[in-house]
């Protein structure tokens, strides 16, 4: 589910009011239902309800959302329910997405509904099923550092360097980034090691990486590492002695 114009209209607190809502006049609702198929086909972004009062608009948007759900147009239903802050319906759509394996969309719905319980459950489910990107997304939405570290450790164990760097970089865990870089270097993944050390801002490890690359004749990689470490002496050394091989 992409962030689009309709999502920018979402109020910060999705559901805060507990006041008893007034019902839309029965005749207005019946008239609205008669043209419902036409409105549904237009799409929620193209429907103008500005002539109605706020409570009537809320009720009509709920009707539209229900119809979109019935037709399986879940993205449109989400837009309608976001505008009225219908938390239970957003959770229900998230569950529908989850049933068909669209976990990223499910996470979006649970996040907009403010359902921490659902986010935790889907995050753990994604981790168990190896859907690492979706698990990361869920735990990021929860801002749950403990679970993110758990995901990162799992990624290191499974040599999923991209995801591990994403996790530990996002939570700015320098110790884990250095551990990750060490694993990458041992595995011969120079690029990932360089990225991990850079995010950790560990100049000692970057210099050691530069030395390792220099010994291996990887002059471009060595030069990059020394630059990340701001090691002007070694940068100059490579420029003076290996200009043709370093590719700068």
Protein backbone atom coordinates (compact mmCIF):
# COMPACT_ATOMS: atom_id res chain seq x y z
CA UNK A 1 0.00 0.00 0.00
CA UNK A 2 1.71 3.20 -1.18
CA UNK A 3 1.65 6.50 0.68
CA UNK A 4 -0.53 8.65 -1.57
CA UNK A 5 -2.53 11.82 -1.39
CA UNK A 6 -5.34 10.31 0.62
CA UNK A 7 -2.98 9.06 3.32
CA UNK A 8 -1.70 12.59 3.86
CA UNK A 9 -5.19 13.56 5.02
CA UNK A 10 -5.07 11.17 7.95
CA UNK A 11 -5.29 12.87 11.30
CA UNK A 12 -2.53 12.01 13.75
CA UNK A 13 -4.82 10.25 16.22
CA UNK A 14 -6.97 7.80 14.30
CA UNK A 15 -9.62 7.24 16.92
CA UNK A 16 -9.90 9.46 19.98
CA UNK A 17 -13.56 10.33 20.23
CA UNK A 18 -16.01 8.24 22.21
CA UNK A 19 -18.96 10.54 21.73
CA UNK A 20 -22.21 8.99 20.61
CA UNK A 21 -22.59 9.59 16.88
CA UNK A 22 -25.74 10.86 15.28
CA UNK A 23 -27.24 8.82 12.50
CA UNK A 24 -27.41 10.07 8.96
CA UNK A 25 -31.03 10.81 8.09
CA UNK A 26 -32.54 7.62 6.73
CA UNK A 27 -33.72 9.23 3.49
CA UNK A 28 -30.26 10.68 2.76
CA UNK A 29 -28.68 7.29 3.30
CA UNK A 30 -31.20 5.54 1.09
CA UNK A 31 -30.63 8.09 -1.70
CA UNK A 32 -26.91 7.60 -1.33
CA UNK A 33 -27.19 3.82 -1.56
CA UNK A 34 -29.05 4.12 -4.86
CA UNK A 35 -26.04 5.77 -6.49
CA UNK A 36 -23.50 3.71 -4.55
CA UNK A 37 -22.40 1.54 -7.52
CA UNK A 38 -21.58 4.63 -9.56
CA UNK A 39 -19.64 6.21 -6.71
CA UNK A 40 -17.70 3.03 -6.04
CA UNK A 41 -16.60 2.90 -9.66
CA UNK A 42 -15.34 6.50 -9.45
CA UNK A 43 -12.88 5.67 -6.69
CA UNK A 44 -12.61 7.31 -3.29
CA UNK A 45 -10.14 9.95 -4.52
CA UNK A 46 -12.68 11.26 -7.03
CA UNK A 47 -15.75 11.52 -4.81
CA UNK A 48 -16.77 14.92 -3.46
CA UNK A 49 -18.79 14.81 -0.24
CA UNK A 50 -18.19 18.42 0.77
CA UNK A 51 -21.90 19.27 0.59
CA UNK A 52 -22.63 17.04 3.59
CA UNK A 53 -22.08 17.82 7.26
CA UNK A 54 -19.25 16.03 9.03
CA UNK A 55 -21.33 13.28 10.61
CA UNK A 56 -23.11 12.52 7.34
CA UNK A 57 -19.76 12.33 5.54
CA UNK A 58 -18.48 9.89 8.15
CA UNK A 59 -21.48 7.61 7.76
CA UNK A 60 -21.36 7.75 3.98
CA UNK A 61 -17.64 6.98 3.93
CA UNK A 62 -18.27 3.99 6.15
CA UNK A 63 -20.91 2.78 3.68
CA UNK A 64 -18.45 3.25 0.84
CA UNK A 65 -15.73 1.43 2.76
CA UNK A 66 -18.02 -1.53 3.41
CA UNK A 67 -18.91 -1.71 -0.27
CA UNK A 68 -15.27 -1.60 -1.30
CA UNK A 69 -14.56 -4.43 1.14
CA UNK A 70 -17.45 -6.44 -0.27
CA UNK A 71 -16.02 -6.02 -3.75
CA UNK A 72 -12.50 -6.92 -2.65
CA UNK A 73 -11.14 -3.43 -3.39
CA UNK A 74 -9.21 -3.30 -0.15
CA UNK A 75 -6.96 -0.34 -0.99
CA UNK A 76 -10.01 1.83 -1.63
CA UNK A 77 -11.69 0.53 1.51
CA UNK A 78 -8.62 1.43 3.54
CA UNK A 79 -8.71 5.00 2.20
CA UNK A 80 -12.35 5.39 3.22
CA UNK A 81 -11.84 3.96 6.70
CA UNK A 82 -8.72 6.05 7.29
CA UNK A 83 -10.71 9.21 6.68
CA UNK A 84 -13.26 8.26 9.32
CA UNK A 85 -10.79 6.67 11.72
CA UNK A 86 -12.60 3.33 11.66
CA UNK A 87 -10.09 1.33 13.63
CA UNK A 88 -11.94 -2.04 13.72
CA UNK A 89 -12.43 -2.00 9.95
CA UNK A 90 -8.75 -1.24 9.33
CA UNK A 91 -7.83 -4.19 11.52
CA UNK A 92 -10.31 -6.39 9.63
CA UNK A 93 -8.74 -5.41 6.29
CA UNK A 94 -5.31 -6.10 7.73
CA UNK A 95 -6.48 -9.59 8.63
CA UNK A 96 -7.74 -10.10 5.08
CA UNK A 97 -4.37 -9.05 3.68
CA UNK A 98 -2.65 -11.37 6.13
CA UNK A 99 -4.76 -14.33 5.02
CA UNK A 100 -3.52 -13.98 1.44
CA UNK A 101 0.10 -13.42 2.44
CA UNK A 102 0.24 -9.67 1.76
CA UNK A 103 2.00 -9.03 5.05
CA UNK A 104 3.39 -5.61 4.16
CA UNK A 105 -0.13 -4.35 3.48
CA UNK A 106 -1.35 -5.97 6.68
CA UNK A 107 1.36 -4.16 8.65
CA UNK A 108 0.28 -0.86 7.09
CA UNK A 109 -3.32 -1.44 8.16
CA UNK A 110 -2.43 -2.46 11.71
CA UNK A 111 -0.12 0.53 12.01
CA UNK A 112 -2.83 2.96 10.88
CA UNK A 113 -5.28 1.29 13.25
CA UNK A 114 -2.80 1.65 16.10
CA UNK A 115 -3.06 -2.08 16.86
CA UNK A 116 0.19 -2.97 18.64
CA UNK A 117 -1.04 -6.46 19.43
CA UNK A 118 -1.67 -7.21 15.76
CA UNK A 119 1.68 -5.71 14.74
CA UNK A 120 3.52 -7.90 17.22
CA UNK A 121 1.69 -11.04 16.11
CA UNK A 122 2.23 -10.45 12.39
CA UNK A 123 5.86 -9.49 13.02
CA UNK A 124 6.55 -12.76 14.83
CA UNK A 125 4.66 -14.70 12.17
CA UNK A 126 6.75 -13.12 9.41
CA UNK A 127 9.95 -13.89 11.29
CA UNK A 128 8.91 -17.53 11.76
CA UNK A 129 8.09 -17.81 8.06
CA UNK A 130 11.28 -16.12 6.90
CA UNK A 131 9.53 -12.97 5.67
CA UNK A 132 12.35 -10.86 7.06
CA UNK A 133 11.53 -7.57 5.36
CA UNK A 134 7.95 -7.67 6.60
CA UNK A 135 9.05 -8.64 10.11
CA UNK A 136 11.42 -5.68 10.17
CA UNK A 137 8.62 -3.40 8.98
CA UNK A 138 6.28 -4.59 11.75
CA UNK A 139 8.83 -4.24 14.54
CA UNK A 140 9.90 -0.83 13.22
CA UNK A 141 6.26 0.26 13.42
CA UNK A 142 6.28 -0.85 17.04
CA UNK A 143 9.68 0.74 17.65
CA UNK A 144 10.52 -2.53 19.41
CA UNK A 145 14.30 -2.56 19.77
CA UNK A 146 14.40 -6.00 21.39
CA UNK A 147 12.61 -7.70 18.51
CA UNK A 148 14.62 -5.78 15.92
CA UNK A 149 17.86 -6.99 17.50
CA UNK A 150 16.45 -10.51 17.45
CA UNK A 151 15.70 -10.16 13.73
CA UNK A 152 19.16 -8.76 13.11
CA UNK A 153 20.83 -11.63 14.95
CA UNK A 154 18.76 -14.09 12.92
CA UNK A 155 19.92 -12.38 9.73
CA UNK A 156 23.57 -12.64 10.78
CA UNK A 157 23.08 -16.32 11.56
CA UNK A 158 21.53 -16.89 8.11
CA UNK A 159 24.05 -14.66 6.27
CA UNK A 160 21.29 -12.25 5.22
CA UNK A 161 23.65 -9.30 5.24
CA UNK A 162 21.34 -6.76 3.55
CA UNK A 163 18.60 -7.17 6.14
CA UNK A 164 21.05 -7.26 9.04
CA UNK A 165 22.58 -3.97 7.92
CA UNK A 166 19.11 -2.47 7.49
CA UNK A 167 18.10 -3.46 11.03
CA UNK A 168 21.22 -2.48 12.94
CA UNK A 169 21.67 0.64 10.85
CA UNK A 170 18.10 1.72 11.57
CA UNK A 171 18.46 1.29 15.33
CA UNK A 172 22.02 2.69 15.30
CA UNK A 173 23.47 -0.27 17.18
CA UNK A 174 27.19 0.24 16.61
CA UNK A 175 28.25 -2.86 18.52
CA UNK A 176 26.03 -5.10 16.41
CA UNK A 177 27.13 -3.33 13.22
CA UNK A 178 30.76 -4.07 14.09
CA UNK A 179 29.91 -7.68 14.86
CA UNK A 180 28.08 -7.88 11.55
CA UNK A 181 31.02 -6.32 9.70
CA UNK A 182 33.38 -8.86 11.24
CA UNK A 183 31.14 -11.70 10.06
CA UNK A 184 30.97 -10.21 6.56
CA UNK A 185 34.74 -9.79 6.37
CA UNK A 186 35.27 -13.38 7.49
CA UNK A 187 32.83 -14.44 4.76
CA UNK A 188 34.72 -12.41 2.15
CA UNK A 189 31.89 -9.89 1.76
CA UNK A 190 34.04 -6.79 1.58
CA UNK A 191 31.28 -4.44 0.45
CA UNK A 192 28.95 -5.40 3.29
CA UNK A 193 31.78 -5.20 5.82
CA UNK A 194 32.63 -1.72 4.58
CA UNK A 195 29.00 -0.60 4.87
CA UNK A 196 28.61 -2.02 8.37
CA UNK A 197 31.80 -0.40 9.66
CA UNK A 198 30.88 2.89 8.01
CA UNK A 199 27.44 2.92 9.70
CA UNK A 200 29.11 2.08 13.00
CA UNK A 201 31.61 4.90 12.38
CA UNK A 202 34.39 2.55 13.48
CA UNK A 203 37.51 4.06 11.96
CA UNK A 204 39.81 1.42 13.46
CA UNK A 205 37.92 -1.37 11.71
CA UNK A 206 37.75 0.65 8.49
CA UNK A 207 41.51 1.08 8.57
CA UNK A 208 41.96 -2.63 9.27
CA UNK A 209 39.64 -3.34 6.33
CA UNK A 210 41.73 -1.06 4.16
CA UNK A 211 44.89 -2.91 5.20
CA UNK A 212 43.23 -6.25 4.43
CA UNK A 213 42.15 -5.07 0.98
CA UNK A 214 45.57 -3.62 0.25
CA UNK A 215 47.24 -6.95 1.05
CA UNK A 216 44.76 -8.67 -1.28
CA UNK A 217 45.52 -6.25 -4.08
CA UNK A 218 42.00 -4.78 -3.88
CA UNK A 219 43.18 -1.23 -4.31
CA UNK A 220 39.79 0.38 -5.04
CA UNK A 221 38.24 -1.26 -1.98
CA UNK A 222 41.23 -0.29 0.13
CA UNK A 223 41.01 3.30 -1.03
CA UNK A 224 37.31 3.41 -0.21
CA UNK A 225 37.89 2.06 3.29
CA UNK A 226 40.68 4.54 3.99
CA UNK A 227 38.50 7.37 2.77
CA UNK A 228 35.68 6.27 5.09
CA UNK A 229 38.24 6.24 7.90
CA UNK A 230 39.59 9.66 6.86
CA UNK A 231 43.08 8.17 6.70
CA UNK A 232 44.73 10.80 4.54
CA UNK A 233 48.17 9.19 4.77
CA UNK A 234 47.02 5.88 3.30
CA UNK A 235 44.83 7.63 0.74
CA UNK A 236 47.89 9.50 -0.48
CA UNK A 237 50.00 6.32 -0.35
CA UNK A 238 47.60 4.50 -2.69
CA UNK A 239 47.33 7.49 -5.02
CA UNK A 240 51.11 7.75 -5.28
CA UNK A 241 51.82 4.05 -5.73
CA UNK A 242 48.74 2.37 -7.21
CA UNK A 243 47.03 5.08 -9.24
CA UNK A 244 46.40 2.86 -12.24
CA UNK A 245 45.02 -0.02 -10.16
CA UNK A 246 42.78 1.89 -7.74
CA UNK A 247 40.39 3.29 -10.32
CA UNK A 248 39.99 6.75 -8.79
